[in-house]
Amino acid sequence: MRRLTAETRLHPAELILPLFVREGATEPVPIGSMPGVSQHSLDSLKRVVNDAAEAGVGGLMLFGVPETRDAVGSAATDPDGILNVATRVLADEVGDALVVQTDLCLDEFTDHGHCGVLDDRGHVDNDATLLRYRDMAVAQADAGSQLLGLSGMMDGQVAAVREALDDAGHTDVVILAYAAKYASGFYGPFREAVDSQLSGDRRAYQQDPANRREGLREARLDLEEGADILMVKPALSYLDVLSDVAAISDVPVWAYQVSGEYAMVEAAAANGWIDRNRIIEETLVGAKRAGADAIMTYWATEVAGWLR
């Protein structure tokens, strides 16, 4: 009876698996703060993505971890940079089975760890960063990415990237706008996952956790610029914002169950304090109930297996 009358259901195709690929790695490198998650070599990446495709996962979001970084994130636009090389591998391996997605942000590639290039005062230069994002977008689309995740939170990024893609003939590449991305403490383990060089914080361009209406305003701006999908991030502590955005959006709305959410559940489960599988499902159902059409989660392949 509960199954028959359930108001909210999960499906494997609504789950997206974030993945990390590390330049120079010959085998998976475990991430200490995220038990069960690794930085992958190109070979281990192939195995993981085939498992995800077999489980029916809807998409893969790829993050690159380069060996060398500089002030402008040159490796991000290098066709032979790790993210673009790995994207070609994914497109060849599983591009017909699920959506190959790439993170479009400079933070993994800069030696200062910020999501954009810096001016002579050490502040992120929004407009100069948009020029880098345009080049990144074309490089990622050329490599075979079907969906670009614009996670940098620069003003005007959606319009700039859409124009660059269209000018390059990539009119069918989808733009996922991280519309409401908050300056959250839940990103801690992710910094380890991408070997972030950040000193300080990103509160100058990510949103204040205290502000709900601001998230809605940011979402409307991205819709006006032509976003194909909107993202709310993190998920667990921003379900009100997720619900608000879903109520006004005429495009799909996604949520990102971020590294800190994953780490807390795994740590509590390892201590025997919670029922791990039950909590995982409950958090995913909560995001779906709040309005998420799809969810990025490090448990995507595992949960897809349960659902199937």
C-alpha atoms as a PDB file:
ATOM      1  CA  MET A   1       0.000   0.000   0.000  1.00  0.00           C
ATOM      2  CA  ARG A   2       2.857   2.404   0.791  1.00  0.00           C
ATOM      3  CA  ARG A   3       4.438   1.640  -2.569  1.00  0.00           C
ATOM      4  CA  LEU A   4       1.114   2.118  -4.341  1.00  0.00           C
ATOM      5  CA  THR A   5       0.418   5.484  -2.719  1.00  0.00           C
ATOM      6  CA  ALA A   6       3.943   6.995  -2.648  1.00  0.00           C
ATOM      7  CA  GLU A   7       3.944  10.592  -3.871  1.00  0.00           C
ATOM      8  CA  THR A   8       7.654  10.731  -4.717  1.00  0.00           C
ATOM      9  CA  ARG A   9       9.766   8.153  -6.541  1.00  0.00           C
ATOM     10  CA  LEU A  10      13.393   7.881  -7.532  1.00  0.00           C
ATOM     11  CA  HIS A  11      14.601   6.517 -10.866  1.00  0.00           C
ATOM     12  CA  PRO A  12      18.179   5.628 -11.915  1.00  0.00           C
ATOM     13  CA  ALA A  13      18.001   8.012 -14.875  1.00  0.00           C
ATOM     14  CA  GLU A  14      17.491  10.910 -12.437  1.00  0.00           C
ATOM     15  CA  LEU A  15      20.875  10.320 -10.800  1.00  0.00           C
ATOM     16  CA  ILE A  16      24.157  11.887 -11.953  1.00  0.00           C
ATOM     17  CA  LEU A  17      27.527  10.555 -10.775  1.00  0.00           C
ATOM     18  CA  PRO A  18      30.323  13.090 -10.086  1.00  0.00           C
ATOM     19  CA  LEU A  19      33.765  11.707 -10.991  1.00  0.00           C
ATOM     20  CA  PHE A  20      37.356  12.862 -10.469  1.00  0.00           C
ATOM     21  CA  VAL A  21      40.156  12.045 -12.909  1.00  0.00           C
ATOM     22  CA  ARG A  22      43.746  12.724 -11.902  1.00  0.00           C
ATOM     23  CA  GLU A  23      46.478  13.485 -14.390  1.00  0.00           C
ATOM     24  CA  GLY A  24      49.378  11.040 -14.169  1.00  0.00           C
ATOM     25  CA  ALA A  25      47.515   8.519 -11.988  1.00  0.00           C
ATOM     26  CA  THR A  26      48.056   4.857 -12.853  1.00  0.00           C
ATOM     27  CA  GLU A  27      45.480   3.535 -10.393  1.00  0.00           C
ATOM     28  CA  PRO A  28      42.646   4.957  -8.281  1.00  0.00           C
ATOM     29  CA  VAL A  29      43.735   7.292  -5.475  1.00  0.00           C
ATOM     30  CA  PRO A  30      41.306   7.064  -2.517  1.00  0.00           C
ATOM     31  CA  ILE A  31      39.982  10.352  -1.106  1.00  0.00           C
ATOM     32  CA  GLY A  32      40.372  10.162   2.658  1.00  0.00           C
ATOM     33  CA  SER A  33      37.428  12.373   3.589  1.00  0.00           C
ATOM     34  CA  MET A  34      35.092  10.600   1.151  1.00  0.00           C
ATOM     35  CA  PRO A  35      35.266   6.857   1.852  1.00  0.00           C
ATOM     36  CA  GLY A  36      34.515   4.855  -1.285  1.00  0.00           C
ATOM     37  CA  VAL A  37      35.302   7.762  -3.662  1.00  0.00           C
ATOM     38  CA  SER A  38      38.606   8.054  -5.555  1.00  0.00           C
ATOM     39  CA  GLN A  39      40.534  10.190  -7.990  1.00  0.00           C
ATOM     40  CA  HIS A  40      40.648   7.954 -11.069  1.00  0.00           C
ATOM     41  CA  SER A  41      43.203   7.074 -13.670  1.00  0.00           C
ATOM     42  CA  LEU A  42      41.974   6.933 -17.253  1.00  0.00           C
ATOM     43  CA  ASP A  43      41.826   3.127 -17.044  1.00  0.00           C
ATOM     44  CA  SER A  44      39.907   2.979 -13.766  1.00  0.00           C
ATOM     45  CA  LEU A  45      37.602   5.714 -15.069  1.00  0.00           C
ATOM     46  CA  LYS A  46      36.523   3.425 -17.895  1.00  0.00           C
ATOM     47  CA  ARG A  47      35.539   0.694 -15.459  1.00  0.00           C
ATOM     48  CA  VAL A  48      33.556   3.058 -13.246  1.00  0.00           C
ATOM     49  CA  VAL A  49      31.626   4.685 -16.092  1.00  0.00           C
ATOM     50  CA  ASN A  50      30.697   1.337 -17.592  1.00  0.00           C
ATOM     51  CA  ASP A  51      29.341   0.250 -14.205  1.00  0.00           C
ATOM     52  CA  ALA A  52      27.300   3.462 -14.045  1.00  0.00           C
ATOM     53  CA  ALA A  53      25.921   2.954 -17.541  1.00  0.00           C
ATOM     54  CA  GLU A  54      25.003  -0.651 -16.742  1.00  0.00           C
ATOM     55  CA  ALA A  55      23.139   0.508 -13.627  1.00  0.00           C
ATOM     56  CA  GLY A  56      21.108   2.989 -15.680  1.00  0.00           C
ATOM     57  CA  VAL A  57      22.568   6.187 -14.216  1.00  0.00           C
ATOM     58  CA  GLY A  58      21.468   9.219 -16.227  1.00  0.00           C
ATOM     59  CA  GLY A  59      24.740  11.121 -16.454  1.00  0.00           C
ATOM     60  CA  LEU A  60      28.344  11.601 -15.357  1.00  0.00           C
ATOM     61  CA  MET A  61      29.823  14.930 -14.200  1.00  0.00           C
ATOM     62  CA  LEU A  62      33.594  14.961 -14.691  1.00  0.00           C
ATOM     63  CA  PHE A  63      36.133  17.019 -12.721  1.00  0.00           C
ATOM     64  CA  GLY A  64      39.809  17.162 -13.673  1.00  0.00           C
ATOM     65  CA  VAL A  65      42.799  17.192 -11.316  1.00  0.00           C
ATOM     66  CA  PRO A  66      45.832  18.497 -13.257  1.00  0.00           C
ATOM     67  CA  GLU A  67      49.488  18.030 -12.379  1.00  0.00           C
ATOM     68  CA  THR A  68      50.400  21.677 -12.975  1.00  0.00           C
ATOM     69  CA  ARG A  69      48.459  24.880 -12.381  1.00  0.00           C
ATOM     70  CA  ASP A  70      48.927  28.549 -13.172  1.00  0.00           C
ATOM     71  CA  ALA A  71      47.201  31.877 -12.566  1.00  0.00           C
ATOM     72  CA  VAL A  72      44.782  31.595 -15.487  1.00  0.00           C
ATOM     73  CA  GLY A  73      44.167  27.834 -15.418  1.00  0.00           C
ATOM     74  CA  SER A  74      45.819  27.121 -18.770  1.00  0.00           C
ATOM     75  CA  ALA A  75      45.277  23.366 -18.457  1.00  0.00           C
ATOM     76  CA  ALA A  76      41.521  23.916 -18.594  1.00  0.00           C
ATOM     77  CA  THR A  77      41.617  24.918 -22.255  1.00  0.00           C
ATOM     78  CA  ASP A  78      44.475  22.660 -23.369  1.00  0.00           C
ATOM     79  CA  PRO A  79      43.051  19.942 -25.681  1.00  0.00           C
ATOM     80  CA  ASP A  80      45.602  17.613 -24.087  1.00  0.00           C
ATOM     81  CA  GLY A  81      44.712  18.687 -20.546  1.00  0.00           C
ATOM     82  CA  ILE A  82      43.406  15.942 -18.290  1.00  0.00           C
ATOM     83  CA  LEU A  83      39.759  17.047 -18.276  1.00  0.00           C
ATOM     84  CA  ASN A  84      39.494  17.260 -22.056  1.00  0.00           C
ATOM     85  CA  VAL A  85      41.402  14.012 -22.595  1.00  0.00           C
ATOM     86  CA  ALA A  86      39.161  12.206 -20.098  1.00  0.00           C
ATOM     87  CA  THR A  87      36.057  13.699 -21.706  1.00  0.00           C
ATOM     88  CA  ARG A  88      37.031  12.133 -25.030  1.00  0.00           C
ATOM     89  CA  VAL A  89      37.509   8.816 -23.238  1.00  0.00           C
ATOM     90  CA  LEU A  90      34.048   9.027 -21.644  1.00  0.00           C
ATOM     91  CA  ALA A  91      32.369  10.084 -24.876  1.00  0.00           C
ATOM     92  CA  ASP A  92      33.882   7.109 -26.698  1.00  0.00           C
ATOM     93  CA  GLU A  93      33.214   4.687 -23.866  1.00  0.00           C
ATOM     94  CA  VAL A  94      29.630   5.506 -22.779  1.00  0.00           C
ATOM     95  CA  GLY A  95      28.517   8.558 -24.750  1.00  0.00           C
ATOM     96  CA  ASP A  96      25.620   6.677 -26.303  1.00  0.00           C
ATOM     97  CA  ALA A  97      24.406   5.242 -22.981  1.00  0.00           C
ATOM     98  CA  LEU A  98      24.240   8.336 -20.748  1.00  0.00           C
ATOM     99  CA  VAL A  99      24.971  12.053 -20.755  1.00  0.00           C
ATOM    100  CA  VAL A 100      28.658  12.984 -20.564  1.00  0.00           C
ATOM    101  CA  GLN A 101      28.943  16.196 -18.542  1.00  0.00           C
ATOM    102  CA  THR A 102      31.916  18.361 -17.585  1.00  0.00           C
ATOM    103  CA  ASP A 103      32.502  20.907 -14.861  1.00  0.00           C
ATOM    104  CA  LEU A 104      33.211  24.328 -16.341  1.00  0.00           C
ATOM    105  CA  CYS A 105      35.111  26.213 -13.674  1.00  0.00           C
ATOM    106  CA  LEU A 106      38.704  27.308 -13.177  1.00  0.00           C
ATOM    107  CA  ASP A 107      39.145  26.392  -9.511  1.00  0.00           C
ATOM    108  CA  GLU A 108      40.716  22.980 -10.206  1.00  0.00           C
ATOM    109  CA  PHE A 109      43.200  24.526 -12.635  1.00  0.00           C
ATOM    110  CA  THR A 110      44.390  27.753 -10.966  1.00  0.00           C
ATOM    111  CA  ASP A 111      47.341  27.986  -8.595  1.00  0.00           C
ATOM    112  CA  HIS A 112      45.270  30.249  -6.312  1.00  0.00           C
ATOM    113  CA  GLY A 113      42.209  27.993  -6.258  1.00  0.00           C
ATOM    114  CA  HIS A 114      39.630  30.597  -7.183  1.00  0.00           C
ATOM    115  CA  CYS A 115      36.944  30.048  -9.799  1.00  0.00           C
ATOM    116  CA  GLY A 116      38.210  32.905 -11.940  1.00  0.00           C
ATOM    117  CA  VAL A 117      41.280  34.894 -12.886  1.00  0.00           C
ATOM    118  CA  LEU A 118      42.497  37.557 -10.462  1.00  0.00           C
ATOM    119  CA  ASP A 119      43.098  41.261 -11.016  1.00  0.00           C
ATOM    120  CA  ASP A 120      46.125  43.184  -9.723  1.00  0.00           C
ATOM    121  CA  ARG A 121      44.445  43.539  -6.319  1.00  0.00           C
ATOM    122  CA  GLY A 122      43.999  39.801  -5.951  1.00  0.00           C
ATOM    123  CA  HIS A 123      40.230  39.973  -6.507  1.00  0.00           C
ATOM    124  CA  VAL A 124      38.359  37.760  -8.971  1.00  0.00           C
ATOM    125  CA  ASP A 125      37.859  39.649 -12.235  1.00  0.00           C
ATOM    126  CA  ASN A 126      34.374  38.664 -13.381  1.00  0.00           C
ATOM    127  CA  ASP A 127      34.592  39.837 -17.000  1.00  0.00           C
ATOM    128  CA  ALA A 128      38.113  38.536 -17.609  1.00  0.00           C
ATOM    129  CA  THR A 129      36.946  35.195 -16.234  1.00  0.00           C
ATOM    130  CA  LEU A 130      34.085  35.067 -18.736  1.00  0.00           C
ATOM    131  CA  LEU A 131      36.634  35.097 -21.561  1.00  0.00           C
ATOM    132  CA  ARG A 132      38.293  32.029 -20.049  1.00  0.00           C
ATOM    133  CA  TYR A 133      34.904  30.342 -19.618  1.00  0.00           C
ATOM    134  CA  ARG A 134      34.115  30.897 -23.294  1.00  0.00           C
ATOM    135  CA  ASP A 135      37.330  29.144 -24.318  1.00  0.00           C
ATOM    136  CA  MET A 136      36.748  26.354 -21.806  1.00  0.00           C
ATOM    137  CA  ALA A 137      33.243  25.780 -23.138  1.00  0.00           C
ATOM    138  CA  VAL A 138      34.437  25.322 -26.704  1.00  0.00           C
ATOM    139  CA  ALA A 139      37.308  23.065 -25.633  1.00  0.00           C
ATOM    140  CA  GLN A 140      35.000  20.840 -23.600  1.00  0.00           C
ATOM    141  CA  ALA A 141      32.385  20.659 -26.340  1.00  0.00           C
ATOM    142  CA  ASP A 142      35.089  19.853 -28.902  1.00  0.00           C
ATOM    143  CA  ALA A 143      36.176  16.985 -26.618  1.00  0.00           C
ATOM    144  CA  GLY A 144      32.670  15.521 -26.617  1.00  0.00           C
ATOM    145  CA  SER A 145      30.956  16.960 -23.565  1.00  0.00           C
ATOM    146  CA  GLN A 146      27.191  16.973 -24.041  1.00  0.00           C
ATOM    147  CA  LEU A 147      26.423  19.187 -21.040  1.00  0.00           C
ATOM    148  CA  LEU A 148      28.508  21.912 -19.427  1.00  0.00           C
ATOM    149  CA  GLY A 149      28.142  22.532 -15.691  1.00  0.00           C
ATOM    150  CA  LEU A 150      28.763  26.252 -15.139  1.00  0.00           C
ATOM    151  CA  SER A 151      29.692  26.179 -11.464  1.00  0.00           C
ATOM    152  CA  GLY A 152      31.815  29.334 -11.166  1.00  0.00           C
ATOM    153  CA  MET A 153      29.001  31.742 -10.213  1.00  0.00           C
ATOM    154  CA  MET A 154      30.290  34.574 -12.385  1.00  0.00           C
ATOM    155  CA  ASP A 155      27.704  37.162 -13.454  1.00  0.00           C
ATOM    156  CA  GLY A 156      26.773  36.712 -17.115  1.00  0.00           C
ATOM    157  CA  GLN A 157      28.403  33.299 -17.478  1.00  0.00           C
ATOM    158  CA  VAL A 158      25.406  31.604 -19.092  1.00  0.00           C
ATOM    159  CA  ALA A 159      25.013  34.191 -21.849  1.00  0.00           C
ATOM    160  CA  ALA A 160      28.764  34.289 -22.524  1.00  0.00           C
ATOM    161  CA  VAL A 161      29.079  30.519 -22.810  1.00  0.00           C
ATOM    162  CA  ARG A 162      25.934  30.147 -24.931  1.00  0.00           C
ATOM    163  CA  GLU A 163      27.252  32.686 -27.416  1.00  0.00           C
ATOM    164  CA  ALA A 164      30.657  30.988 -27.588  1.00  0.00           C
ATOM    165  CA  LEU A 165      29.110  27.558 -28.110  1.00  0.00           C
ATOM    166  CA  ASP A 166      26.772  28.777 -30.827  1.00  0.00           C
ATOM    167  CA  ASP A 167      29.567  30.641 -32.618  1.00  0.00           C
ATOM    168  CA  ALA A 168      31.629  27.423 -32.606  1.00  0.00           C
ATOM    169  CA  GLY A 169      28.768  25.345 -34.009  1.00  0.00           C
ATOM    170  CA  HIS A 170      27.943  23.580 -30.742  1.00  0.00           C
ATOM    171  CA  THR A 171      24.305  24.622 -30.698  1.00  0.00           C
ATOM    172  CA  ASP A 172      23.141  21.322 -29.210  1.00  0.00           C
ATOM    173  CA  VAL A 173      25.419  21.362 -26.139  1.00  0.00           C
ATOM    174  CA  VAL A 174      23.342  21.855 -22.985  1.00  0.00           C
ATOM    175  CA  ILE A 175      24.089  24.497 -20.333  1.00  0.00           C
ATOM    176  CA  LEU A 176      23.570  23.590 -16.686  1.00  0.00           C
ATOM    177  CA  ALA A 177      23.665  26.823 -14.687  1.00  0.00           C
ATOM    178  CA  TYR A 178      24.672  26.598 -11.049  1.00  0.00           C
ATOM    179  CA  ALA A 179      22.092  29.268 -10.355  1.00  0.00           C
ATOM    180  CA  ALA A 180      21.929  29.134  -6.576  1.00  0.00           C
ATOM    181  CA  LYS A 181      25.318  28.024  -5.287  1.00  0.00           C
ATOM    182  CA  TYR A 182      25.960  28.938  -1.689  1.00  0.00           C
ATOM    183  CA  ALA A 183      29.278  29.663   0.071  1.00  0.00           C
ATOM    184  CA  SER A 184      28.924  26.531   2.155  1.00  0.00           C
ATOM    185  CA  GLY A 185      31.002  24.630   4.673  1.00  0.00           C
ATOM    186  CA  PHE A 186      29.725  21.435   3.083  1.00  0.00           C
ATOM    187  CA  TYR A 187      32.344  21.647   0.309  1.00  0.00           C
ATOM    188  CA  GLY A 188      35.253  20.705   2.568  1.00  0.00           C
ATOM    189  CA  PRO A 189      35.899  17.154   1.308  1.00  0.00           C
ATOM    190  CA  PHE A 190      35.616  18.307  -2.310  1.00  0.00           C
ATOM    191  CA  ARG A 191      38.650  20.534  -1.772  1.00  0.00           C
ATOM    192  CA  GLU A 192      40.643  17.396  -1.033  1.00  0.00           C
ATOM    193  CA  ALA A 193      39.098  15.590  -3.999  1.00  0.00           C
ATOM    194  CA  VAL A 194      40.360  18.194  -6.501  1.00  0.00           C
ATOM    195  CA  ASP A 195      43.540  19.069  -4.558  1.00  0.00           C
ATOM    196  CA  SER A 196      42.305  22.661  -4.278  1.00  0.00           C
ATOM    197  CA  GLN A 197      44.914  25.390  -3.844  1.00  0.00           C
ATOM    198  CA  LEU A 198      42.399  27.808  -2.343  1.00  0.00           C
ATOM    199  CA  SER A 199      43.436  30.063   0.520  1.00  0.00           C
ATOM    200  CA  GLY A 200      40.528  31.990   1.983  1.00  0.00           C
ATOM    201  CA  ASP A 201      36.972  31.604   0.727  1.00  0.00           C
ATOM    202  CA  ARG A 202      34.658  32.322  -2.211  1.00  0.00           C
ATOM    203  CA  ARG A 203      32.086  34.500  -0.496  1.00  0.00           C
ATOM    204  CA  ALA A 204      32.688  37.323  -2.978  1.00  0.00           C
ATOM    205  CA  TYR A 205      30.891  35.373  -5.709  1.00  0.00           C
ATOM    206  CA  GLN A 206      29.013  32.528  -4.019  1.00  0.00           C
ATOM    207  CA  GLN A 207      25.823  33.251  -2.109  1.00  0.00           C
ATOM    208  CA  ASP A 208      25.265  34.001   1.557  1.00  0.00           C
ATOM    209  CA  PRO A 209      23.667  30.955   3.264  1.00  0.00           C
ATOM    210  CA  ALA A 210      21.321  33.367   5.071  1.00  0.00           C
ATOM    211  CA  ASN A 211      19.711  34.582   1.833  1.00  0.00           C
ATOM    212  CA  ARG A 212      16.724  32.790   0.327  1.00  0.00           C
ATOM    213  CA  ARG A 213      15.330  35.428  -2.061  1.00  0.00           C
ATOM    214  CA  GLU A 214      18.769  35.987  -3.539  1.00  0.00           C
ATOM    215  CA  GLY A 215      18.815  32.376  -4.741  1.00  0.00           C
ATOM    216  CA  LEU A 216      15.575  32.925  -6.595  1.00  0.00           C
ATOM    217  CA  ARG A 217      16.863  36.145  -8.152  1.00  0.00           C
ATOM    218  CA  GLU A 218      20.018  34.395  -9.383  1.00  0.00           C
ATOM    219  CA  ALA A 219      17.899  31.619 -10.899  1.00  0.00           C
ATOM    220  CA  ARG A 220      15.742  34.117 -12.795  1.00  0.00           C
ATOM    221  CA  LEU A 221      18.833  35.809 -14.213  1.00  0.00           C
ATOM    222  CA  ASP A 222      20.166  32.505 -15.531  1.00  0.00           C
ATOM    223  CA  LEU A 223      16.807  31.683 -17.083  1.00  0.00           C
ATOM    224  CA  GLU A 224      16.823  35.036 -18.867  1.00  0.00           C
ATOM    225  CA  GLU A 225      20.322  34.286 -20.209  1.00  0.00           C
ATOM    226  CA  GLY A 226      19.177  30.975 -21.698  1.00  0.00           C
ATOM    227  CA  ALA A 227      20.091  28.277 -19.185  1.00  0.00           C
ATOM    228  CA  ASP A 228      18.767  24.839 -20.133  1.00  0.00           C
ATOM    229  CA  ILE A 229      18.889  23.470 -16.564  1.00  0.00           C
ATOM    230  CA  LEU A 230      19.211  25.170 -13.157  1.00  0.00           C
ATOM    231  CA  MET A 231      21.216  23.823 -10.215  1.00  0.00           C
ATOM    232  CA  VAL A 232      20.781  24.406  -6.487  1.00  0.00           C
ATOM    233  CA  LYS A 233      23.841  23.521  -4.395  1.00  0.00           C
ATOM    234  CA  PRO A 234      24.175  22.135  -1.729  1.00  0.00           C
ATOM    235  CA  ALA A 235      21.001  20.105  -1.402  1.00  0.00           C
ATOM    236  CA  LEU A 236      20.320  19.135   2.210  1.00  0.00           C
ATOM    237  CA  SER A 237      20.372  22.550   3.878  1.00  0.00           C
ATOM    238  CA  TYR A 238      18.865  24.468   0.932  1.00  0.00           C
ATOM    239  CA  LEU A 239      15.665  22.537   0.240  1.00  0.00           C
ATOM    240  CA  ASP A 240      13.631  25.725   0.650  1.00  0.00           C
ATOM    241  CA  VAL A 241      15.624  27.395  -2.119  1.00  0.00           C
ATOM    242  CA  LEU A 242      15.311  24.275  -4.258  1.00  0.00           C
ATOM    243  CA  SER A 243      11.538  24.359  -3.820  1.00  0.00           C
ATOM    244  CA  ASP A 244      11.397  28.072  -4.645  1.00  0.00           C
ATOM    245  CA  VAL A 245      13.431  27.645  -7.836  1.00  0.00           C
ATOM    246  CA  ALA A 246      11.409  24.622  -8.957  1.00  0.00           C
ATOM    247  CA  ALA A 247       8.199  26.606  -8.522  1.00  0.00           C
ATOM    248  CA  ILE A 248       9.246  29.350 -10.969  1.00  0.00           C
ATOM    249  CA  SER A 249      11.367  27.411 -13.461  1.00  0.00           C
ATOM    250  CA  ASP A 250      10.152  26.239 -16.857  1.00  0.00           C
ATOM    251  CA  VAL A 251      13.368  24.232 -17.349  1.00  0.00           C
ATOM    252  CA  PRO A 252      14.574  21.231 -15.313  1.00  0.00           C
ATOM    253  CA  VAL A 253      15.941  21.904 -11.833  1.00  0.00           C
ATOM    254  CA  TRP A 254      18.712  19.770 -10.352  1.00  0.00           C
ATOM    255  CA  ALA A 255      20.273  19.489  -6.905  1.00  0.00           C
ATOM    256  CA  TYR A 256      23.842  18.569  -5.966  1.00  0.00           C
ATOM    257  CA  GLN A 257      24.225  16.350  -2.903  1.00  0.00           C
ATOM    258  CA  VAL A 258      27.718  17.613  -2.152  1.00  0.00           C
ATOM    259  CA  SER A 259      30.819  16.063  -0.626  1.00  0.00           C
ATOM    260  CA  GLY A 260      30.125  17.141   2.941  1.00  0.00           C
ATOM    261  CA  GLU A 261      26.656  15.596   2.850  1.00  0.00           C
ATOM    262  CA  TYR A 262      28.185  12.348   1.595  1.00  0.00           C
ATOM    263  CA  ALA A 263      30.985  12.404   4.175  1.00  0.00           C
ATOM    264  CA  MET A 264      28.652  12.999   7.134  1.00  0.00           C
ATOM    265  CA  VAL A 265      26.436  10.054   6.258  1.00  0.00           C
ATOM    266  CA  GLU A 266      29.377   7.726   5.640  1.00  0.00           C
ATOM    267  CA  ALA A 267      31.079   8.753   8.901  1.00  0.00           C
ATOM    268  CA  ALA A 268      27.948   8.348  10.994  1.00  0.00           C
ATOM    269  CA  ALA A 269      27.194   4.991   9.361  1.00  0.00           C
ATOM    270  CA  ALA A 270      30.757   3.769   9.960  1.00  0.00           C
ATOM    271  CA  ASN A 271      30.237   4.475  13.667  1.00  0.00           C
ATOM    272  CA  GLY A 272      26.958   2.540  13.685  1.00  0.00           C
ATOM    273  CA  TRP A 273      24.937   5.638  14.544  1.00  0.00           C
ATOM    274  CA  ILE A 274      22.551   5.545  11.582  1.00  0.00           C
ATOM    275  CA  ASP A 275      21.080   3.103   9.079  1.00  0.00           C
ATOM    276  CA  ARG A 276      23.256   4.033   6.103  1.00  0.00           C
ATOM    277  CA  ASN A 277      21.073   2.866   3.215  1.00  0.00           C
ATOM    278  CA  ARG A 278      17.917   4.230   4.745  1.00  0.00           C
ATOM    279  CA  ILE A 279      19.464   7.667   5.283  1.00  0.00           C
ATOM    280  CA  ILE A 280      20.894   7.770   1.753  1.00  0.00           C
ATOM    281  CA  GLU A 281      17.476   7.057   0.280  1.00  0.00           C
ATOM    282  CA  GLU A 282      15.776   9.527   2.605  1.00  0.00           C
ATOM    283  CA  THR A 283      18.089  12.385   1.659  1.00  0.00           C
ATOM    284  CA  LEU A 284      17.612  11.698  -2.043  1.00  0.00           C
ATOM    285  CA  VAL A 285      13.833  11.477  -1.696  1.00  0.00           C
ATOM    286  CA  GLY A 286      13.915  14.742   0.255  1.00  0.00           C
ATOM    287  CA  ALA A 287      15.637  16.539  -2.612  1.00  0.00           C
ATOM    288  CA  LYS A 288      13.264  15.011  -5.139  1.00  0.00           C
ATOM    289  CA  ARG A 289      10.240  15.919  -3.021  1.00  0.00           C
ATOM    290  CA  ALA A 290      11.466  19.514  -2.755  1.00  0.00           C
ATOM    291  CA  GLY A 291      11.481  19.813  -6.530  1.00  0.00           C
ATOM    292  CA  ALA A 292      14.668  18.326  -7.973  1.00  0.00           C
ATOM    293  CA  ASP A 293      14.167  16.686 -11.357  1.00  0.00           C
ATOM    294  CA  ALA A 294      17.588  15.043 -11.049  1.00  0.00           C
ATOM    295  CA  ILE A 295      20.254  14.803  -8.353  1.00  0.00           C
ATOM    296  CA  MET A 296      24.031  14.736  -8.516  1.00  0.00           C
ATOM    297  CA  THR A 297      25.216  12.278  -5.881  1.00  0.00           C
ATOM    298  CA  TYR A 298      28.306  10.212  -5.163  1.00  0.00           C
ATOM    299  CA  TRP A 299      25.980   7.288  -4.439  1.00  0.00           C
ATOM    300  CA  ALA A 300      24.435   7.383  -7.940  1.00  0.00           C
ATOM    301  CA  THR A 301      25.604   3.990  -9.199  1.00  0.00           C
ATOM    302  CA  GLU A 302      24.942   2.231  -5.903  1.00  0.00           C
ATOM    303  CA  VAL A 303      21.450   3.676  -5.524  1.00  0.00           C
ATOM    304  CA  ALA A 304      20.638   2.977  -9.182  1.00  0.00           C
ATOM    305  CA  GLY A 305      21.439  -0.655  -8.451  1.00  0.00           C
ATOM    306  CA  TRP A 306      19.011  -0.679  -5.541  1.00  0.00           C
ATOM    307  CA  LEU A 307      16.272   0.881  -7.643  1.00  0.00           C
ATOM    308  CA  ARG A 308      16.710  -1.582 -10.483  1.00  0.00           C
END
